[in-house]
Structures are given as C-alpha cells and as structure tokens.
Amino acid sequence: MTEIQAAHREIPGGPPFRTPAPPPGRPVELALVPDPRCSARPGRPFSQRTVFTALGWVQLVAGALLFPLPGPGLLLLALGMATLAKHRPWAAERVHSFKRRALVKVAHGVRTLARAVCLFVITLANTLAGLPWVWSPKQPRWWALPSWTWLPGASGPGSATLVSGVVPLALVVYGWRCFHGHPDRVAAL
C-alpha cells in the first residue's frame, strides 16, 4: 500500500473510493470499492458533486447575508441545505430533522379550525407585508428618519417577500389537507 493510500484511509470521509485492505500475505488489488464513509453518491461524476457542493454553499452564504432583510433569505438557506443534502450526509440529516419539525409544527397549528384560520391569516399578513415595497409610496411627512430609510431597496425586497411568503402559505394548506382530522398521521410524525 502506498503512503497516499494509507493517508486516505486515515482521513474521515476520505476520497470517494478507497482500496480494500489486502488479506495478510496478498498484494494490494487495484479494484476501487465505494467508501461508505464518503458522502459522494456512487456513479456521480466528481465535477457534478463539486458544482452542486459549491452551489449549495453559495446559496447558504447568500441566504445568511439576506436573512435579516425582507426577502428570500430563509428560502435561500433552505435551498442551499437541500442542494448540499444531495451529496453531503450531514446536510441530509439536518434537512430531514428540519422537515420533520416543520411538519410537526404545522400539524399542531392546524389541529383545530380556529388555529388553522389564525395561522393562515398571520402567514398571509406576513406575505402581504411586501406590498408597500412593491407599490413604493412616497415618504410621509411624519417620517422622522432620513429619506433613505423609507422602504429601502424599492420593489426588490417587496417582490421577494411576496414570493417567499408563498412557501409558508402552501405549507399551511398542505398541513390542513394532510393533518387536520387525521390524528394517526400526526402521531406518525
């Protein structure tokens, strides 16, 4: 076994493929065996995995930067994690646990008609909060702060808020259809 092969065997997550350890007294075979510790999917080209990983990290960083602003920050974070989850087990575990927690919260939110209506109205109000940015009204006289603080970003943040509000609205409707009146499905979560 070469020094490089020995070094790869020691790295957790190592290379996409590893050479199997030879039985005592036999030479190392050159057959490549998928390494179960590696996050790469067998059969996927290295360049494709690299592109998806880079794209996922770019989406995560952009989502983290946009998170405090009105717009698609949370959606970009979720999209980045979903992209990374295709090739990275740690991301897949976090996406799975996030999905499960989101479904449990939605199932809890639509347990009764009053809760479902309240959840839908609040989600709709949050979604429609982007309309002032889209309409771009003039700064009112009572606005005491500098003019650049009045609805910064013009219509971009408003349209992004409207678009990113569609996902929670769809999640509430999905929760109503799947979990309202079905305690067995809620218990299965």
Protein backbone atom coordinates (compact mmCIF):
# COMPACT_ATOMS: atom_id res chain seq x y z
CA MET A 1 0.00 0.00 0.00
CA THR A 2 1.38 3.39 -0.91
CA GLU A 3 1.73 6.23 1.57
CA ILE A 4 -1.06 8.16 -0.19
CA GLN A 5 -3.46 5.22 0.12
CA ALA A 6 -2.58 4.85 3.78
CA ALA A 7 -3.12 8.57 4.35
CA HIS A 8 -6.52 8.45 2.62
CA ARG A 9 -7.55 5.53 4.78
CA GLU A 10 -6.93 7.68 7.87
CA ILE A 11 -8.96 10.72 6.73
CA PRO A 12 -12.59 10.57 7.92
CA GLY A 13 -14.75 10.91 4.85
CA GLY A 14 -11.63 10.26 2.76
CA PRO A 15 -11.64 10.06 -1.01
CA PRO A 16 -14.70 8.95 -2.98
CA PHE A 17 -13.19 5.49 -3.36
CA ARG A 18 -10.78 3.51 -1.28
CA THR A 19 -8.72 0.43 -1.92
CA PRO A 20 -9.72 -2.50 0.24
CA ALA A 21 -7.23 -3.69 2.83
CA PRO A 22 -5.49 -6.79 1.46
CA PRO A 23 -5.53 -10.03 3.40
CA PRO A 24 -2.20 -10.81 5.05
CA GLY A 25 0.34 -12.07 2.55
CA ARG A 26 -1.53 -10.89 -0.57
CA PRO A 27 -0.72 -7.84 -2.72
CA VAL A 28 -2.99 -4.80 -2.83
CA GLU A 29 -5.64 -5.09 -5.53
CA LEU A 30 -6.33 -2.06 -7.63
CA ALA A 31 -10.12 -2.51 -7.64
CA LEU A 32 -11.94 0.54 -6.37
CA VAL A 33 -14.59 -0.01 -3.73
CA PRO A 34 -17.00 2.78 -2.73
CA ASP A 35 -16.06 4.16 0.66
CA PRO A 36 -19.16 4.11 2.91
CA ARG A 37 -17.73 6.98 4.97
CA CYS A 38 -17.65 9.24 1.92
CA SER A 39 -20.61 11.49 1.25
CA ALA A 40 -20.39 11.20 -2.51
CA ARG A 41 -23.05 9.23 -4.30
CA PRO A 42 -21.59 6.39 -6.31
CA GLY A 43 -21.90 6.93 -10.02
CA ARG A 44 -21.96 10.71 -9.86
CA PRO A 45 -19.06 12.44 -11.58
CA PHE A 46 -16.70 14.32 -9.33
CA SER A 47 -17.31 17.57 -11.24
CA GLN A 48 -21.07 17.31 -10.70
CA ARG A 49 -20.63 16.76 -6.96
CA THR A 50 -18.21 19.70 -6.81
CA VAL A 51 -20.57 22.02 -8.70
CA PHE A 52 -23.55 21.08 -6.51
CA THR A 53 -21.50 21.48 -3.34
CA ALA A 54 -20.21 24.90 -4.41
CA LEU A 55 -23.72 25.97 -5.45
CA GLY A 56 -25.12 24.84 -2.10
CA TRP A 57 -22.52 26.79 -0.16
CA VAL A 58 -23.11 29.92 -2.27
CA GLN A 59 -26.85 29.64 -1.58
CA LEU A 60 -26.20 29.19 2.14
CA VAL A 61 -23.92 32.23 2.34
CA ALA A 62 -26.33 34.37 0.28
CA GLY A 63 -29.22 33.23 2.47
CA ALA A 64 -27.30 34.08 5.63
CA LEU A 65 -26.47 37.54 4.26
CA LEU A 66 -30.07 38.17 3.16
CA PHE A 67 -31.68 36.66 6.26
CA PRO A 68 -32.07 39.92 8.25
CA LEU A 69 -33.52 41.71 5.21
CA PRO A 70 -37.06 41.28 3.89
CA GLY A 71 -36.90 38.76 1.12
CA PRO A 72 -35.72 35.29 0.29
CA GLY A 73 -33.02 34.79 2.94
CA LEU A 74 -34.71 31.86 4.64
CA LEU A 75 -35.63 30.31 1.29
CA LEU A 76 -32.03 30.54 0.11
CA LEU A 77 -30.86 28.90 3.33
CA ALA A 78 -33.34 26.06 2.81
CA LEU A 79 -32.46 25.73 -0.86
CA GLY A 80 -28.74 25.67 -0.06
CA MET A 81 -29.23 22.94 2.54
CA ALA A 82 -31.39 20.92 0.12
CA THR A 83 -28.72 21.26 -2.57
CA LEU A 84 -25.98 20.17 -0.17
CA ALA A 85 -28.15 17.30 1.09
CA LYS A 86 -27.87 15.61 -2.31
CA HIS A 87 -24.20 14.85 -1.68
CA ARG A 88 -23.48 15.50 1.99
CA PRO A 89 -24.92 13.24 4.71
CA TRP A 90 -24.66 15.88 7.44
CA ALA A 91 -26.83 18.23 5.36
CA ALA A 92 -29.31 15.45 4.59
CA GLU A 93 -29.69 14.73 8.32
CA ARG A 94 -30.35 18.39 9.08
CA VAL A 95 -32.82 18.76 6.21
CA HIS A 96 -34.66 15.65 7.41
CA SER A 97 -34.85 16.88 11.02
CA PHE A 98 -35.93 20.38 9.86
CA LYS A 99 -38.62 18.88 7.62
CA ARG A 100 -39.91 16.71 10.45
CA ARG A 101 -40.02 19.63 12.91
CA ALA A 102 -41.77 21.86 10.36
CA LEU A 103 -44.42 19.20 9.72
CA VAL A 104 -44.95 18.69 13.46
CA LYS A 105 -45.42 22.44 13.96
CA VAL A 106 -47.83 22.69 11.02
CA ALA A 107 -49.78 19.67 12.25
CA HIS A 108 -50.03 21.33 15.66
CA GLY A 109 -51.08 24.61 14.03
CA VAL A 110 -53.95 23.10 12.06
CA ARG A 111 -55.27 20.87 14.83
CA THR A 112 -58.42 22.98 15.19
CA LEU A 113 -60.23 25.22 12.72
CA ALA A 114 -59.55 28.33 14.84
CA ARG A 115 -55.80 27.61 14.92
CA ALA A 116 -55.71 26.92 11.19
CA VAL A 117 -57.53 30.15 10.34
CA CYS A 118 -55.31 32.16 12.70
CA LEU A 119 -52.15 30.58 11.25
CA PHE A 120 -53.32 31.23 7.69
CA VAL A 121 -54.24 34.87 8.41
CA ILE A 122 -50.92 35.60 10.12
CA THR A 123 -48.97 33.93 7.32
CA LEU A 124 -50.97 35.82 4.71
CA ALA A 125 -50.34 39.12 6.54
CA ASN A 126 -46.60 38.41 6.64
CA THR A 127 -46.68 37.63 2.93
CA LEU A 128 -48.62 40.76 2.05
CA ALA A 129 -46.23 42.91 4.09
CA GLY A 130 -44.16 43.15 0.92
CA LEU A 131 -46.86 45.14 -0.89
CA PRO A 132 -45.71 48.59 0.36
CA TRP A 133 -42.31 47.97 -1.21
CA VAL A 134 -43.90 46.94 -4.49
CA TRP A 135 -46.21 49.98 -4.54
CA SER A 136 -43.38 52.31 -3.43
CA PRO A 137 -45.49 55.04 -1.78
CA LYS A 138 -43.90 58.41 -1.10
CA GLN A 139 -42.30 59.09 2.25
CA PRO A 140 -44.90 60.52 4.67
CA ARG A 141 -44.33 63.83 6.41
CA TRP A 142 -44.37 62.24 9.86
CA TRP A 143 -41.36 60.04 8.97
CA ALA A 144 -38.60 61.39 11.25
CA LEU A 145 -35.72 59.29 9.91
CA PRO A 146 -33.63 60.12 6.84
CA SER A 147 -35.30 59.53 3.49
CA TRP A 148 -33.03 56.61 2.60
CA THR A 149 -34.59 54.60 5.47
CA TRP A 150 -38.10 54.73 3.96
CA LEU A 151 -38.72 51.34 2.29
CA PRO A 152 -35.11 50.69 1.28
CA GLY A 153 -34.48 48.62 -1.82
CA ALA A 154 -37.53 49.75 -3.82
CA SER A 155 -39.60 46.91 -5.28
CA GLY A 156 -36.94 44.18 -5.00
CA PRO A 157 -37.43 43.30 -1.31
CA GLY A 158 -41.19 43.62 -1.66
CA SER A 159 -41.47 41.19 -4.53
CA ALA A 160 -39.04 38.84 -2.79
CA THR A 161 -41.18 38.96 0.37
CA LEU A 162 -44.30 38.20 -1.64
CA VAL A 163 -42.65 35.27 -3.41
CA SER A 164 -41.06 33.87 -0.25
CA GLY A 165 -44.42 34.08 1.54
CA VAL A 166 -45.91 31.58 -0.89
CA VAL A 167 -43.96 28.70 0.69
CA PRO A 168 -45.40 29.12 4.22
CA LEU A 169 -48.88 29.60 2.79
CA ALA A 170 -48.52 26.39 0.81
CA LEU A 171 -47.23 24.64 3.94
CA VAL A 172 -50.32 25.72 5.91
CA VAL A 173 -52.64 24.47 3.15
CA TYR A 174 -50.67 21.22 2.93
CA GLY A 175 -50.89 20.79 6.70
CA TRP A 176 -54.66 21.35 6.63
CA ARG A 177 -55.17 18.79 3.90
CA CYS A 178 -52.83 16.17 5.37
CA PHE A 179 -53.16 16.53 9.14
CA HIS A 180 -56.47 18.17 10.07
CA GLY A 181 -58.77 15.45 11.33
CA HIS A 182 -56.12 12.74 11.00
CA PRO A 183 -54.60 12.15 14.47
CA ASP A 184 -53.00 8.93 13.24
CA ARG A 185 -50.89 10.89 10.70
CA VAL A 186 -49.90 13.41 13.38
CA ALA A 187 -48.88 10.58 15.73
CA ALA A 188 -46.78 9.03 12.93
CA LEU A 189 -44.62 12.17 12.81
